[in-house]
Amino acid sequence: MRTALRILQPLTTFTARTETELYDKVKAYNWAPYMRNDQTLAIDAVVFSRFFTHSKYVALRVKDGICDQFRDSTGIRPSVDLHRPTLMINVHVAEDKFTLSLDSSGEPLNRRGYRTKDHPAPINEALAAGMVMLSGWDGKAPFMDPMCGSGTIVMEAAMIAAKMAPNLKR
């Protein structure tokens, strides 16, 4: 899990080419097993499509479909909480193909918790760990960081050598 950014559990896949089709398919999915109407949700969307060009709009339509389903069945719409939602949904769009997944990781897993100061150009922790792992470094030989920037590559190498869990400081 050292190079993972998120842990996603796919719930449903479908195709949609219009906002109405998207909304209708999300609303038709049974969301009751995953949350109650008194809980909160947040939607994160990643879009690579000529049919849908704005990820925030896709997230909005998915949120509307879920909330309207609860409103129609219970009379109460769930609320949105962007910081600590009960249910975090990840939407991936590739052209007209949608995958809606539960995001069980919360905050992205590359945020390890050891960075205390900002650096103008930090490298993503998961990317740094992947670079160390792909380099073939055995954890015993001296390690050289060719970037010498924020120290992320060195920190990830040290954590790998110490067999330290990547999110221990989180």
C-alpha atoms as a PDB file:
ATOM      1  CA  MET A   1       0.000   0.000   0.000  1.00  0.00           C
ATOM      2  CA  ARG A   2       3.049   2.247  -0.089  1.00  0.00           C
ATOM      3  CA  THR A   3       2.306   3.526  -3.608  1.00  0.00           C
ATOM      4  CA  ALA A   4      -1.504   3.600  -3.441  1.00  0.00           C
ATOM      5  CA  LEU A   5      -3.299   6.944  -3.435  1.00  0.00           C
ATOM      6  CA  ARG A   6      -6.782   5.647  -2.625  1.00  0.00           C
ATOM      7  CA  ILE A   7      -8.621   2.412  -1.854  1.00  0.00           C
ATOM      8  CA  LEU A   8     -11.731   2.194  -4.009  1.00  0.00           C
ATOM      9  CA  GLN A   9     -14.489  -0.413  -4.016  1.00  0.00           C
ATOM     10  CA  PRO A  10     -16.391  -0.274  -7.322  1.00  0.00           C
ATOM     11  CA  LEU A  11     -20.157  -0.181  -6.795  1.00  0.00           C
ATOM     12  CA  THR A  12     -21.594   0.223 -10.269  1.00  0.00           C
ATOM     13  CA  THR A  13     -20.633   0.930 -13.849  1.00  0.00           C
ATOM     14  CA  PHE A  14     -22.810   2.318 -16.602  1.00  0.00           C
ATOM     15  CA  THR A  15     -22.723   4.434 -19.741  1.00  0.00           C
ATOM     16  CA  ALA A  16     -24.169   7.920 -20.088  1.00  0.00           C
ATOM     17  CA  ARG A  17     -23.781  10.616 -22.709  1.00  0.00           C
ATOM     18  CA  THR A  18     -26.069  13.308 -21.317  1.00  0.00           C
ATOM     19  CA  GLU A  19     -26.521  14.905 -17.921  1.00  0.00           C
ATOM     20  CA  THR A  20     -30.094  13.562 -17.744  1.00  0.00           C
ATOM     21  CA  GLU A  21     -28.920  10.031 -18.474  1.00  0.00           C
ATOM     22  CA  LEU A  22     -26.205  10.371 -15.809  1.00  0.00           C
ATOM     23  CA  TYR A  23     -28.657  11.700 -13.212  1.00  0.00           C
ATOM     24  CA  ASP A  24     -31.273   9.013 -13.962  1.00  0.00           C
ATOM     25  CA  LYS A  25     -28.778   6.138 -13.697  1.00  0.00           C
ATOM     26  CA  VAL A  26     -27.317   7.416 -10.421  1.00  0.00           C
ATOM     27  CA  LYS A  27     -30.793   7.966  -8.979  1.00  0.00           C
ATOM     28  CA  ALA A  28     -31.877   4.446 -10.029  1.00  0.00           C
ATOM     29  CA  TYR A  29     -28.995   2.799  -8.132  1.00  0.00           C
ATOM     30  CA  ASN A  30     -29.903   1.589  -4.611  1.00  0.00           C
ATOM     31  CA  TRP A  31     -27.838   3.756  -2.242  1.00  0.00           C
ATOM     32  CA  ALA A  32     -29.653   2.639   0.937  1.00  0.00           C
ATOM     33  CA  PRO A  33     -27.157  -0.156   1.794  1.00  0.00           C
ATOM     34  CA  TYR A  34     -24.340   2.415   1.936  1.00  0.00           C
ATOM     35  CA  MET A  35     -25.827   5.308   3.888  1.00  0.00           C
ATOM     36  CA  ARG A  36     -28.889   6.665   5.656  1.00  0.00           C
ATOM     37  CA  ASN A  37     -30.608   9.949   4.895  1.00  0.00           C
ATOM     38  CA  ASP A  38     -29.300  11.478   8.146  1.00  0.00           C
ATOM     39  CA  GLN A  39     -25.678  10.876   7.118  1.00  0.00           C
ATOM     40  CA  THR A  40     -23.403  12.962   4.905  1.00  0.00           C
ATOM     41  CA  LEU A  41     -21.720  12.424   1.576  1.00  0.00           C
ATOM     42  CA  ALA A  42     -19.064  13.902  -0.684  1.00  0.00           C
ATOM     43  CA  ILE A  43     -18.362  13.197  -4.340  1.00  0.00           C
ATOM     44  CA  ASP A  44     -14.984  13.333  -6.077  1.00  0.00           C
ATOM     45  CA  ALA A  45     -14.972  13.052  -9.871  1.00  0.00           C
ATOM     46  CA  VAL A  46     -12.220  12.485 -12.409  1.00  0.00           C
ATOM     47  CA  VAL A  47     -13.325  13.074 -15.994  1.00  0.00           C
ATOM     48  CA  PHE A  48     -11.706  12.159 -19.322  1.00  0.00           C
ATOM     49  CA  SER A  49     -14.589  12.664 -21.747  1.00  0.00           C
ATOM     50  CA  ARG A  50     -15.842  14.647 -24.710  1.00  0.00           C
ATOM     51  CA  PHE A  51     -19.412  14.254 -23.393  1.00  0.00           C
ATOM     52  CA  PHE A  52     -18.670  15.589 -19.918  1.00  0.00           C
ATOM     53  CA  THR A  53     -15.959  18.219 -19.647  1.00  0.00           C
ATOM     54  CA  HIS A  54     -16.228  19.504 -16.089  1.00  0.00           C
ATOM     55  CA  SER A  55     -15.544  17.199 -13.125  1.00  0.00           C
ATOM     56  CA  LYS A  56     -17.326  19.449 -10.609  1.00  0.00           C
ATOM     57  CA  TYR A  57     -20.504  19.349 -12.699  1.00  0.00           C
ATOM     58  CA  VAL A  58     -20.354  15.545 -12.897  1.00  0.00           C
ATOM     59  CA  ALA A  59     -19.907  15.421  -9.100  1.00  0.00           C
ATOM     60  CA  LEU A  60     -22.894  17.762  -8.683  1.00  0.00           C
ATOM     61  CA  ARG A  61     -25.173  15.596 -10.860  1.00  0.00           C
ATOM     62  CA  VAL A  62     -24.100  12.419  -9.034  1.00  0.00           C
ATOM     63  CA  LYS A  63     -24.775  14.123  -5.689  1.00  0.00           C
ATOM     64  CA  ASP A  64     -28.193  15.258  -6.936  1.00  0.00           C
ATOM     65  CA  GLY A  65     -29.094  11.730  -8.069  1.00  0.00           C
ATOM     66  CA  ILE A  66     -28.155  10.206  -4.707  1.00  0.00           C
ATOM     67  CA  CYS A  67     -29.811  12.923  -2.612  1.00  0.00           C
ATOM     68  CA  ASP A  68     -32.980  12.999  -4.706  1.00  0.00           C
ATOM     69  CA  GLN A  69     -33.348   9.222  -4.376  1.00  0.00           C
ATOM     70  CA  PHE A  70     -33.304   9.590  -0.578  1.00  0.00           C
ATOM     71  CA  ARG A  71     -35.653  12.582  -0.691  1.00  0.00           C
ATOM     72  CA  ASP A  72     -38.143  10.675  -2.858  1.00  0.00           C
ATOM     73  CA  SER A  73     -38.055   7.547  -0.667  1.00  0.00           C
ATOM     74  CA  THR A  74     -37.769   9.085   2.830  1.00  0.00           C
ATOM     75  CA  GLY A  75     -38.674  12.747   2.480  1.00  0.00           C
ATOM     76  CA  ILE A  76     -35.211  13.834   3.689  1.00  0.00           C
ATOM     77  CA  ARG A  77     -32.160  14.680   1.589  1.00  0.00           C
ATOM     78  CA  PRO A  78     -28.723  13.749   2.946  1.00  0.00           C
ATOM     79  CA  SER A  79     -26.320  16.647   3.487  1.00  0.00           C
ATOM     80  CA  VAL A  80     -22.948  17.254   1.884  1.00  0.00           C
ATOM     81  CA  ASP A  81     -19.844  17.368   4.073  1.00  0.00           C
ATOM     82  CA  LEU A  82     -16.649  17.899   2.107  1.00  0.00           C
ATOM     83  CA  HIS A  83     -14.335  17.440   5.099  1.00  0.00           C
ATOM     84  CA  ARG A  84     -15.592  14.383   7.023  1.00  0.00           C
ATOM     85  CA  PRO A  85     -18.382  12.701   5.057  1.00  0.00           C
ATOM     86  CA  THR A  86     -19.965   9.428   6.105  1.00  0.00           C
ATOM     87  CA  LEU A  87     -19.909   8.281   2.485  1.00  0.00           C
ATOM     88  CA  MET A  88     -17.197   9.296   0.026  1.00  0.00           C
ATOM     89  CA  ILE A  89     -17.965   8.425  -3.592  1.00  0.00           C
ATOM     90  CA  ASN A  90     -15.340   8.455  -6.336  1.00  0.00           C
ATOM     91  CA  VAL A  91     -16.618   8.900  -9.890  1.00  0.00           C
ATOM     92  CA  HIS A  92     -14.367   7.956 -12.798  1.00  0.00           C
ATOM     93  CA  VAL A  93     -15.501   8.918 -16.295  1.00  0.00           C
ATOM     94  CA  ALA A  94     -13.780   7.640 -19.442  1.00  0.00           C
ATOM     95  CA  GLU A  95     -15.713   9.018 -22.433  1.00  0.00           C
ATOM     96  CA  ASP A  96     -19.245   7.688 -21.733  1.00  0.00           C
ATOM     97  CA  LYS A  97     -18.256   4.966 -19.239  1.00  0.00           C
ATOM     98  CA  PHE A  98     -18.862   5.731 -15.564  1.00  0.00           C
ATOM     99  CA  THR A  99     -17.525   3.846 -12.562  1.00  0.00           C
ATOM    100  CA  LEU A 100     -18.874   4.837  -9.147  1.00  0.00           C
ATOM    101  CA  SER A 101     -16.815   3.546  -6.225  1.00  0.00           C
ATOM    102  CA  LEU A 102     -16.767   3.795  -2.448  1.00  0.00           C
ATOM    103  CA  ASP A 103     -13.624   5.584  -1.320  1.00  0.00           C
ATOM    104  CA  SER A 104     -12.584   3.914   1.919  1.00  0.00           C
ATOM    105  CA  SER A 105      -9.261   5.728   2.288  1.00  0.00           C
ATOM    106  CA  GLY A 106     -10.529   9.144   3.373  1.00  0.00           C
ATOM    107  CA  GLU A 107      -7.660  11.568   2.922  1.00  0.00           C
ATOM    108  CA  PRO A 108      -5.327  10.536   0.050  1.00  0.00           C
ATOM    109  CA  LEU A 109      -2.875   7.873   1.216  1.00  0.00           C
ATOM    110  CA  ASN A 110       0.151   9.768  -0.097  1.00  0.00           C
ATOM    111  CA  ARG A 111      -0.311  12.247   2.762  1.00  0.00           C
ATOM    112  CA  ARG A 112       1.902  10.448   5.234  1.00  0.00           C
ATOM    113  CA  GLY A 113       1.821  12.976   8.065  1.00  0.00           C
ATOM    114  CA  TYR A 114       5.566  13.562   8.370  1.00  0.00           C
ATOM    115  CA  ARG A 115       5.720  16.754   6.301  1.00  0.00           C
ATOM    116  CA  THR A 116       5.585  19.734   8.679  1.00  0.00           C
ATOM    117  CA  LYS A 117       6.639  22.563   6.373  1.00  0.00           C
ATOM    118  CA  ASP A 118       5.634  23.398   2.850  1.00  0.00           C
ATOM    119  CA  HIS A 119       8.187  23.192   0.084  1.00  0.00           C
ATOM    120  CA  PRO A 120       7.749  25.071  -3.204  1.00  0.00           C
ATOM    121  CA  ALA A 121       7.898  21.858  -5.266  1.00  0.00           C
ATOM    122  CA  PRO A 122       7.335  18.735  -3.151  1.00  0.00           C
ATOM    123  CA  ILE A 123       7.073  15.375  -4.859  1.00  0.00           C
ATOM    124  CA  ASN A 124       4.096  13.175  -4.041  1.00  0.00           C
ATOM    125  CA  GLU A 125       5.043  10.661  -1.336  1.00  0.00           C
ATOM    126  CA  ALA A 126       3.581   7.680  -3.205  1.00  0.00           C
ATOM    127  CA  LEU A 127       5.486   8.678  -6.348  1.00  0.00           C
ATOM    128  CA  ALA A 128       8.715   9.010  -4.343  1.00  0.00           C
ATOM    129  CA  ALA A 129       8.180   5.560  -2.797  1.00  0.00           C
ATOM    130  CA  GLY A 130       7.548   4.116  -6.261  1.00  0.00           C
ATOM    131  CA  MET A 131      10.758   5.674  -7.563  1.00  0.00           C
ATOM    132  CA  VAL A 132      12.744   4.136  -4.701  1.00  0.00           C
ATOM    133  CA  MET A 133      11.113   0.743  -5.217  1.00  0.00           C
ATOM    134  CA  LEU A 134      11.692   0.797  -8.991  1.00  0.00           C
ATOM    135  CA  SER A 135      15.332   1.784  -8.526  1.00  0.00           C
ATOM    136  CA  GLY A 136      16.128  -1.645  -7.129  1.00  0.00           C
ATOM    137  CA  TRP A 137      17.670  -0.174  -3.980  1.00  0.00           C
ATOM    138  CA  ASP A 138      18.013  -2.909  -1.355  1.00  0.00           C
ATOM    139  CA  GLY A 139      17.780  -0.749   1.773  1.00  0.00           C
ATOM    140  CA  LYS A 140      21.341  -1.593   2.809  1.00  0.00           C
ATOM    141  CA  ALA A 141      23.532   0.246   0.304  1.00  0.00           C
ATOM    142  CA  PRO A 142      24.020   4.014   0.631  1.00  0.00           C
ATOM    143  CA  PHE A 143      21.123   5.943  -0.871  1.00  0.00           C
ATOM    144  CA  MET A 144      21.605   9.062  -2.971  1.00  0.00           C
ATOM    145  CA  ASP A 145      18.794  11.483  -3.722  1.00  0.00           C
ATOM    146  CA  PRO A 146      19.388  13.094  -7.136  1.00  0.00           C
ATOM    147  CA  MET A 147      16.759  15.782  -6.505  1.00  0.00           C
ATOM    148  CA  CYS A 148      17.768  17.065  -3.041  1.00  0.00           C
ATOM    149  CA  GLY A 149      14.588  19.113  -2.803  1.00  0.00           C
ATOM    150  CA  SER A 150      12.030  18.597  -0.069  1.00  0.00           C
ATOM    151  CA  GLY A 151      13.576  15.330   1.133  1.00  0.00           C
ATOM    152  CA  THR A 152      10.577  13.191   0.193  1.00  0.00           C
ATOM    153  CA  ILE A 153      12.594  10.605  -1.742  1.00  0.00           C
ATOM    154  CA  VAL A 154      15.083  10.231   1.124  1.00  0.00           C
ATOM    155  CA  MET A 155      12.270  10.018   3.676  1.00  0.00           C
ATOM    156  CA  GLU A 156      10.477   7.303   1.711  1.00  0.00           C
ATOM    157  CA  ALA A 157      13.762   5.391   1.286  1.00  0.00           C
ATOM    158  CA  ALA A 158      14.375   5.582   5.040  1.00  0.00           C
ATOM    159  CA  MET A 159      10.854   4.332   5.768  1.00  0.00           C
ATOM    160  CA  ILE A 160      11.304   1.442   3.318  1.00  0.00           C
ATOM    161  CA  ALA A 161      14.689   0.513   4.840  1.00  0.00           C
ATOM    162  CA  ALA A 162      13.201   0.611   8.350  1.00  0.00           C
ATOM    163  CA  LYS A 163      10.206  -1.471   7.172  1.00  0.00           C
ATOM    164  CA  MET A 164       7.998   1.290   8.548  1.00  0.00           C
ATOM    165  CA  ALA A 165       4.334   1.345   7.545  1.00  0.00           C
ATOM    166  CA  PRO A 166       3.760   4.229   5.119  1.00  0.00           C
ATOM    167  CA  ASN A 167       0.931   5.860   7.065  1.00  0.00           C
ATOM    168  CA  LEU A 168       2.205   5.275  10.587  1.00  0.00           C
ATOM    169  CA  LYS A 169       2.457   9.036  11.280  1.00  0.00           C
ATOM    170  CA  ARG A 170      -0.978   9.854   9.873  1.00  0.00           C
END
